[in-house]
Structure formats: C-alpha cells, structure tokens
C-alpha cells in the first residue's frame, strides 16, 4: 500500500493526488445485444450526463474538492466515442472509448450507471457492449483505469476479465473551500 493511498489533498497548492489502477482486458471474446439501445453523445444530453455523473461520483469529488465540469469537460466528450443508454427517457448509464495514440491502445472511460439503476447488471452490460464493439472492430488492446478507492468497480472489472497491470497517481486541480 502506498503512502496516502488512495488519495491525498495538498490544500496549500490546490492539488489532489489520487491513485488509480490501470487494467487490461484479457478475457474471452464477447457479444452484446445492447447495440440498438445505445446512442452517441450529443450536446443536448450534456446537462443530464453531468447530473448523473455528479450523483455517481459525488463522494469522490467531495473528497478531492473537485467538480463535475472539470471531470467531464464538453470538449473531451465531443472528442471521444461516448455512448448513452436511455430507458423511458431516463439516462441509465454511459460508457466511452478513447484511442490512446501514445500507447497505441483503446481505453474504456467513464463507465457510469445512474444511482437508481445500480446493482441490476447495467454496468456489466455496458462493459459487454463496449468490449464487443472494440473486439469486432479490431481495436485492441483494451484498457481502463479505475480509482483505487472504488473497490466495487475494481472487483467487477476483474470478474469481467480485466487484469491490473500498474498503479498510477494523477494530480487534479482542486477548488479552494471557503
């Protein structure tokens, strides 16, 4: 266990140091029946996307003195392949792909399931969808990075076929508290 694991706040310099686990998919080939249910991100969904993200990550954001707009900047959303899953006009969840050109790999990012839909297998279905999509379009290897303090997600990813390959620390600019 590293010192100050999984995060440390440096109030004087307005920086949060947060530990993440980098994982690689080493599971089997998968298929998905979610194709028709998911749509690509459009600007008109930005506010609801942020609200769901804010609800999901509220505890982490509070600990590191951050905000959702910093975590989900619109420009980044528009640059990535971001998929949204709606049921009865409610955002169930989302998932996105980033092509990391430096490491020549594909990264699964921002796996989110709205609070009221958690614990019902939706996260697994989103993962299944995105891994199947990446495999079918020959976009491999596949990685994801998860906050070290998110034990539930880490366990789900391992069960799905992701294997931890390294730990990383990220620095985040924090907001000063009054």
Protein backbone atom coordinates (compact mmCIF):
# COMPACT_ATOMS: atom_id res chain seq x y z
CA UNK A 1 0.00 0.00 0.00
CA UNK A 2 1.42 3.36 -1.00
CA UNK A 3 1.66 6.33 1.37
CA UNK A 4 -1.56 8.37 1.38
CA UNK A 5 -3.32 5.69 -0.68
CA UNK A 6 -5.83 6.13 -2.37
CA UNK A 7 -5.71 9.95 -2.33
CA UNK A 8 -4.07 12.93 -0.67
CA UNK A 9 -5.06 16.61 -0.64
CA UNK A 10 -2.46 19.37 -0.81
CA UNK A 11 -4.56 22.39 0.20
CA UNK A 12 -1.62 24.82 0.02
CA UNK A 13 -1.03 24.11 -3.68
CA UNK A 14 -4.68 23.29 -4.54
CA UNK A 15 -3.85 19.79 -5.81
CA UNK A 16 -5.39 16.39 -5.14
CA UNK A 17 -3.23 13.32 -5.68
CA UNK A 18 -5.41 10.33 -6.48
CA UNK A 19 -4.34 6.70 -7.06
CA UNK A 20 -5.77 4.72 -9.95
CA UNK A 21 -5.40 1.13 -11.13
CA UNK A 22 -4.65 0.57 -14.82
CA UNK A 23 -6.26 -2.66 -16.07
CA UNK A 24 -6.02 -4.59 -19.34
CA UNK A 25 -8.77 -6.78 -20.80
CA UNK A 26 -7.54 -10.37 -21.07
CA UNK A 27 -10.89 -12.13 -21.13
CA UNK A 28 -12.64 -14.00 -23.91
CA UNK A 29 -14.41 -12.66 -26.98
CA UNK A 30 -17.84 -11.29 -26.09
CA UNK A 31 -21.06 -10.33 -27.87
CA UNK A 32 -23.73 -7.81 -26.95
CA UNK A 33 -27.42 -7.26 -27.57
CA UNK A 34 -27.30 -3.60 -26.50
CA UNK A 35 -26.48 -2.15 -29.95
CA UNK A 36 -29.93 -0.68 -30.65
CA UNK A 37 -30.34 0.77 -27.15
CA UNK A 38 -27.24 2.99 -27.14
CA UNK A 39 -26.83 6.33 -28.87
CA UNK A 40 -23.81 8.53 -29.43
CA UNK A 41 -23.42 11.59 -27.20
CA UNK A 42 -24.86 14.87 -28.46
CA UNK A 43 -24.63 18.29 -26.81
CA UNK A 44 -28.35 18.25 -25.92
CA UNK A 45 -27.59 15.47 -23.38
CA UNK A 46 -24.73 17.30 -21.64
CA UNK A 47 -26.71 18.55 -18.62
CA UNK A 48 -28.30 15.19 -17.81
CA UNK A 49 -24.97 13.44 -18.38
CA UNK A 50 -23.30 15.77 -15.89
CA UNK A 51 -26.11 15.39 -13.36
CA UNK A 52 -25.85 11.59 -13.42
CA UNK A 53 -22.05 11.80 -13.24
CA UNK A 54 -22.23 14.24 -10.35
CA UNK A 55 -24.59 11.92 -8.44
CA UNK A 56 -22.39 8.88 -9.06
CA UNK A 57 -19.05 10.49 -8.21
CA UNK A 58 -20.28 12.90 -5.50
CA UNK A 59 -18.31 11.21 -2.72
CA UNK A 60 -15.05 11.17 -4.69
CA UNK A 61 -15.50 14.78 -5.85
CA UNK A 62 -16.18 15.90 -2.29
CA UNK A 63 -13.02 14.18 -1.03
CA UNK A 64 -10.79 15.74 -3.66
CA UNK A 65 -12.56 19.13 -3.72
CA UNK A 66 -13.39 18.85 -7.42
CA UNK A 67 -16.42 19.40 -9.62
CA UNK A 68 -18.15 17.52 -12.40
CA UNK A 69 -17.38 20.07 -15.14
CA UNK A 70 -13.68 19.51 -14.55
CA UNK A 71 -14.23 15.75 -14.70
CA UNK A 72 -16.48 15.79 -17.81
CA UNK A 73 -15.40 18.74 -19.97
CA UNK A 74 -17.61 19.14 -23.04
CA UNK A 75 -14.65 19.29 -25.42
CA UNK A 76 -13.40 15.93 -24.18
CA UNK A 77 -16.85 14.37 -24.51
CA UNK A 78 -17.11 15.54 -28.09
CA UNK A 79 -13.65 14.15 -28.95
CA UNK A 80 -14.39 10.68 -27.56
CA UNK A 81 -16.77 7.96 -28.71
CA UNK A 82 -19.32 8.32 -25.91
CA UNK A 83 -22.40 6.09 -25.75
CA UNK A 84 -25.54 6.82 -23.73
CA UNK A 85 -28.21 4.34 -22.68
CA UNK A 86 -31.72 5.70 -22.15
CA UNK A 87 -34.79 3.80 -20.94
CA UNK A 88 -38.12 5.67 -20.88
CA UNK A 89 -36.30 9.00 -21.37
CA UNK A 90 -34.10 8.35 -18.30
CA UNK A 91 -30.32 8.07 -18.61
CA UNK A 92 -29.47 4.59 -17.36
CA UNK A 93 -25.76 4.92 -17.98
CA UNK A 94 -22.94 5.67 -20.35
CA UNK A 95 -19.53 4.49 -21.45
CA UNK A 96 -16.90 5.83 -23.79
CA UNK A 97 -13.85 4.90 -25.83
CA UNK A 98 -10.62 6.83 -26.17
CA UNK A 99 -7.95 5.92 -28.68
CA UNK A 100 -4.71 6.45 -26.79
CA UNK A 101 -2.29 7.08 -29.64
CA UNK A 102 0.76 7.33 -27.36
CA UNK A 103 0.29 3.78 -26.05
CA UNK A 104 -1.44 2.51 -29.23
CA UNK A 105 -4.39 1.10 -27.31
CA UNK A 106 -8.08 1.72 -26.70
CA UNK A 107 -9.29 2.87 -23.32
CA UNK A 108 -12.69 2.42 -21.80
CA UNK A 109 -13.53 5.56 -19.86
CA UNK A 110 -16.23 6.98 -17.61
CA UNK A 111 -18.31 3.87 -17.07
CA UNK A 112 -21.40 5.28 -15.38
CA UNK A 113 -24.68 3.77 -14.22
CA UNK A 114 -27.24 6.14 -12.71
CA UNK A 115 -27.67 5.59 -8.98
CA UNK A 116 -31.23 4.25 -9.26
CA UNK A 117 -30.10 1.59 -11.78
CA UNK A 118 -27.02 0.37 -9.91
CA UNK A 119 -26.84 -3.22 -8.69
CA UNK A 120 -29.01 -4.52 -11.57
CA UNK A 121 -26.32 -5.62 -14.02
CA UNK A 122 -26.32 -2.50 -16.20
CA UNK A 123 -22.61 -1.84 -15.67
CA UNK A 124 -21.83 -5.37 -16.82
CA UNK A 125 -24.00 -4.89 -19.92
CA UNK A 126 -22.27 -1.60 -20.75
CA UNK A 127 -18.85 -3.25 -20.42
CA UNK A 128 -20.01 -6.16 -22.53
CA UNK A 129 -21.24 -3.75 -25.22
CA UNK A 130 -18.05 -1.72 -25.41
CA UNK A 131 -15.64 -4.68 -25.29
CA UNK A 132 -17.67 -6.45 -28.01
CA UNK A 133 -17.61 -3.28 -30.13
CA UNK A 134 -13.86 -2.88 -29.72
CA UNK A 135 -13.21 -6.56 -30.47
CA UNK A 136 -15.46 -6.60 -33.54
CA UNK A 137 -13.74 -3.53 -34.97
CA UNK A 138 -10.28 -4.97 -34.17
CA UNK A 139 -9.46 -2.16 -31.76
CA UNK A 140 -7.19 -3.79 -29.22
CA UNK A 141 -5.53 -3.92 -26.76
CA UNK A 142 -8.25 -2.68 -24.40
CA UNK A 143 -7.51 -0.90 -21.13
CA UNK A 144 -9.36 1.00 -18.45
CA UNK A 145 -8.32 2.96 -15.39
CA UNK A 146 -10.32 2.94 -12.16
CA UNK A 147 -9.98 4.88 -8.91
CA UNK A 148 -8.18 2.65 -6.43
CA UNK A 149 -10.75 3.53 -3.77
CA UNK A 150 -13.62 2.19 -5.94
CA UNK A 151 -13.44 -1.42 -4.66
CA UNK A 152 -16.81 -2.39 -6.12
CA UNK A 153 -15.80 -1.37 -9.65
CA UNK A 154 -12.35 -2.96 -9.37
CA UNK A 155 -13.94 -6.29 -8.40
CA UNK A 156 -16.47 -6.09 -11.25
CA UNK A 157 -13.72 -5.36 -13.80
CA UNK A 158 -11.61 -8.26 -12.54
CA UNK A 159 -14.58 -10.62 -12.72
CA UNK A 160 -15.27 -9.40 -16.29
CA UNK A 161 -11.72 -10.24 -17.41
CA UNK A 162 -9.63 -7.14 -16.70
CA UNK A 163 -6.28 -7.64 -15.00
CA UNK A 164 -4.42 -4.94 -13.01
CA UNK A 165 -1.19 -4.02 -14.79
CA UNK A 166 0.00 -0.98 -12.83
CA UNK A 167 -0.93 1.74 -10.38
CA UNK A 168 -0.81 5.42 -11.33
CA UNK A 169 -1.15 8.64 -9.41
CA UNK A 170 -2.92 11.59 -11.03
CA UNK A 171 -2.85 15.21 -9.95
CA UNK A 172 -6.11 17.16 -10.07
CA UNK A 173 -6.55 20.87 -9.56
CA UNK A 174 -8.91 21.37 -6.63
CA UNK A 175 -11.23 24.19 -5.75
CA UNK A 176 -10.43 26.22 -2.68
CA UNK A 177 -13.01 25.87 0.06
CA UNK A 178 -14.20 28.91 1.97
